[in-house]
Structures are given as structure tokens and as C-alpha cells.
Amino acid sequence: MRQLITTPEQVGQILRSARRAKGLSQAQAGIRLGLSQNRVSELEKGAATVTVAQLLAMTALYDLQLEVASRGEPGATAW
């Protein structure tokens, strides 16, 4: 499923859902990512700024694919 993301909170919601789908706690994900449980929580709430490196590590761990497309490109659905 493709989703159009426009806010940090939406990023956090997707990361939280993907982590849970993998059966990982925030602490377990943090260990694998080299982050604290608190940092994972902040990222999932959209309360913290995620670095590109952190976002790519999280998408890899959760088997997500990050895709950048031009605005108005067909195939994206709003979140």
C-alpha cells in the first residue's frame, strides 16, 4: 500500500504500526537500531526530528520501502 505522508505524526504512526507488525517492543527496536526506547517513542509520536539515517534504518528493520515521487504522481493514497 502506498501512503501520502504530510506530517511528522503520520511518519510516527506508520513506524509504530510497522514495529508492532514485526512483533517488536520499542526497547527491542531501539536495541537493534542503536537508539534508546525513549527515542523510539519520541519518533513514533512525531515529537522528535528523525534523521535520514534513523529513518532509513527503521524502514529497513520494519521491511518498509521509502519512496520519493513528484507531487500529483498517480498511485499515492492519502494517509
C-alpha atoms as a PDB file:
ATOM      1  CA  MET A   1       0.000   0.000   0.000  1.00  0.00           C
ATOM      2  CA  ARG A   2       1.258   3.484  -0.836  1.00  0.00           C
ATOM      3  CA  GLN A   3       0.543   6.343   1.531  1.00  0.00           C
ATOM      4  CA  LEU A   4       0.979  10.074   1.100  1.00  0.00           C
ATOM      5  CA  ILE A   5       2.681  11.496   4.185  1.00  0.00           C
ATOM      6  CA  THR A   6       2.483  15.188   5.017  1.00  0.00           C
ATOM      7  CA  THR A   7       3.209  15.405   8.767  1.00  0.00           C
ATOM      8  CA  PRO A   8       5.753  14.031  11.259  1.00  0.00           C
ATOM      9  CA  GLU A   9       2.883  12.449  13.171  1.00  0.00           C
ATOM     10  CA  GLN A  10       1.972  10.372  10.124  1.00  0.00           C
ATOM     11  CA  VAL A  11       5.554   9.133   9.872  1.00  0.00           C
ATOM     12  CA  GLY A  12       5.382   8.161  13.532  1.00  0.00           C
ATOM     13  CA  GLN A  13       2.092   6.317  13.086  1.00  0.00           C
ATOM     14  CA  ILE A  14       3.487   4.301  10.196  1.00  0.00           C
ATOM     15  CA  LEU A  15       6.671   3.458  12.094  1.00  0.00           C
ATOM     16  CA  ARG A  16       4.687   2.415  15.189  1.00  0.00           C
ATOM     17  CA  SER A  17       2.349   0.207  13.161  1.00  0.00           C
ATOM     18  CA  ALA A  18       5.237  -1.401  11.296  1.00  0.00           C
ATOM     19  CA  ARG A  19       7.169  -2.049  14.529  1.00  0.00           C
ATOM     20  CA  ARG A  20       4.139  -3.679  16.114  1.00  0.00           C
ATOM     21  CA  ALA A  21       3.527  -5.764  12.983  1.00  0.00           C
ATOM     22  CA  LYS A  22       7.086  -7.092  13.386  1.00  0.00           C
ATOM     23  CA  GLY A  23       6.280  -8.030  16.990  1.00  0.00           C
ATOM     24  CA  LEU A  24       8.937  -5.739  18.447  1.00  0.00           C
ATOM     25  CA  SER A  25       8.701  -3.637  21.570  1.00  0.00           C
ATOM     26  CA  GLN A  26      10.119  -0.127  21.491  1.00  0.00           C
ATOM     27  CA  ALA A  27      13.019  -1.349  23.616  1.00  0.00           C
ATOM     28  CA  GLN A  28      13.775  -4.241  21.237  1.00  0.00           C
ATOM     29  CA  ALA A  29      13.620  -1.951  18.212  1.00  0.00           C
ATOM     30  CA  GLY A  30      15.840   0.553  19.982  1.00  0.00           C
ATOM     31  CA  ILE A  31      18.488  -2.082  20.672  1.00  0.00           C
ATOM     32  CA  ARG A  32      18.543  -3.145  17.020  1.00  0.00           C
ATOM     33  CA  LEU A  33      18.674   0.479  15.869  1.00  0.00           C
ATOM     34  CA  GLY A  34      21.188   1.712  18.432  1.00  0.00           C
ATOM     35  CA  LEU A  35      18.577   4.038  19.943  1.00  0.00           C
ATOM     36  CA  SER A  36      17.045   4.285  23.387  1.00  0.00           C
ATOM     37  CA  GLN A  37      13.468   3.143  23.970  1.00  0.00           C
ATOM     38  CA  ASN A  38      12.629   6.763  24.782  1.00  0.00           C
ATOM     39  CA  ARG A  39      13.992   7.932  21.414  1.00  0.00           C
ATOM     40  CA  VAL A  40      11.927   5.325  19.553  1.00  0.00           C
ATOM     41  CA  SER A  41       8.860   6.501  21.474  1.00  0.00           C
ATOM     42  CA  GLU A  42       9.527  10.160  20.596  1.00  0.00           C
ATOM     43  CA  LEU A  43       9.944   9.305  16.916  1.00  0.00           C
ATOM     44  CA  GLU A  44       6.712   7.308  16.879  1.00  0.00           C
ATOM     45  CA  LYS A  45       4.835  10.239  18.437  1.00  0.00           C
ATOM     46  CA  GLY A  46       6.210  12.633  15.837  1.00  0.00           C
ATOM     47  CA  ALA A  47       7.580  14.633  18.762  1.00  0.00           C
ATOM     48  CA  ALA A  48      11.205  14.405  17.645  1.00  0.00           C
ATOM     49  CA  THR A  49      13.008  15.126  14.426  1.00  0.00           C
ATOM     50  CA  VAL A  50      14.115  11.918  12.752  1.00  0.00           C
ATOM     51  CA  THR A  51      17.395  11.944  10.880  1.00  0.00           C
ATOM     52  CA  VAL A  52      17.587  10.469   7.409  1.00  0.00           C
ATOM     53  CA  ALA A  53      19.911   7.771   8.759  1.00  0.00           C
ATOM     54  CA  GLN A  54      17.427   6.861  11.516  1.00  0.00           C
ATOM     55  CA  LEU A  55      14.509   6.813   9.083  1.00  0.00           C
ATOM     56  CA  LEU A  56      16.367   4.561   6.662  1.00  0.00           C
ATOM     57  CA  ALA A  57      17.434   2.224   9.483  1.00  0.00           C
ATOM     58  CA  MET A  58      13.856   1.992  10.754  1.00  0.00           C
ATOM     59  CA  THR A  59      12.401   1.354   7.319  1.00  0.00           C
ATOM     60  CA  ALA A  60      14.963  -1.413   6.759  1.00  0.00           C
ATOM     61  CA  LEU A  61      14.251  -3.034  10.136  1.00  0.00           C
ATOM     62  CA  TYR A  62      10.492  -2.897   9.583  1.00  0.00           C
ATOM     63  CA  ASP A  63      10.659  -4.052   5.938  1.00  0.00           C
ATOM     64  CA  LEU A  64       9.280  -0.760   4.654  1.00  0.00           C
ATOM     65  CA  GLN A  65      10.290   0.993   1.465  1.00  0.00           C
ATOM     66  CA  LEU A  66      10.817   4.744   1.353  1.00  0.00           C
ATOM     67  CA  GLU A  67       9.855   6.257  -1.977  1.00  0.00           C
ATOM     68  CA  VAL A  68      10.035   9.870  -3.153  1.00  0.00           C
ATOM     69  CA  ALA A  69       7.821  10.970  -6.027  1.00  0.00           C
ATOM     70  CA  SER A  70       6.762  14.166  -7.720  1.00  0.00           C
ATOM     71  CA  ARG A  71       3.579  15.738  -6.390  1.00  0.00           C
ATOM     72  CA  GLY A  72       0.446  14.568  -8.077  1.00  0.00           C
ATOM     73  CA  GLU A  73       2.021  11.337  -9.275  1.00  0.00           C
ATOM     74  CA  PRO A  74      -0.639   8.636  -9.618  1.00  0.00           C
ATOM     75  CA  GLY A  75      -0.624   5.717  -7.224  1.00  0.00           C
ATOM     76  CA  ALA A  76      -0.246   7.516  -3.881  1.00  0.00           C
ATOM     77  CA  THR A  77      -3.131   7.454  -1.457  1.00  0.00           C
ATOM     78  CA  ALA A  78      -3.667   9.926   1.375  1.00  0.00           C
ATOM     79  CA  TRP A  79      -2.964   8.768   4.908  1.00  0.00           C
END
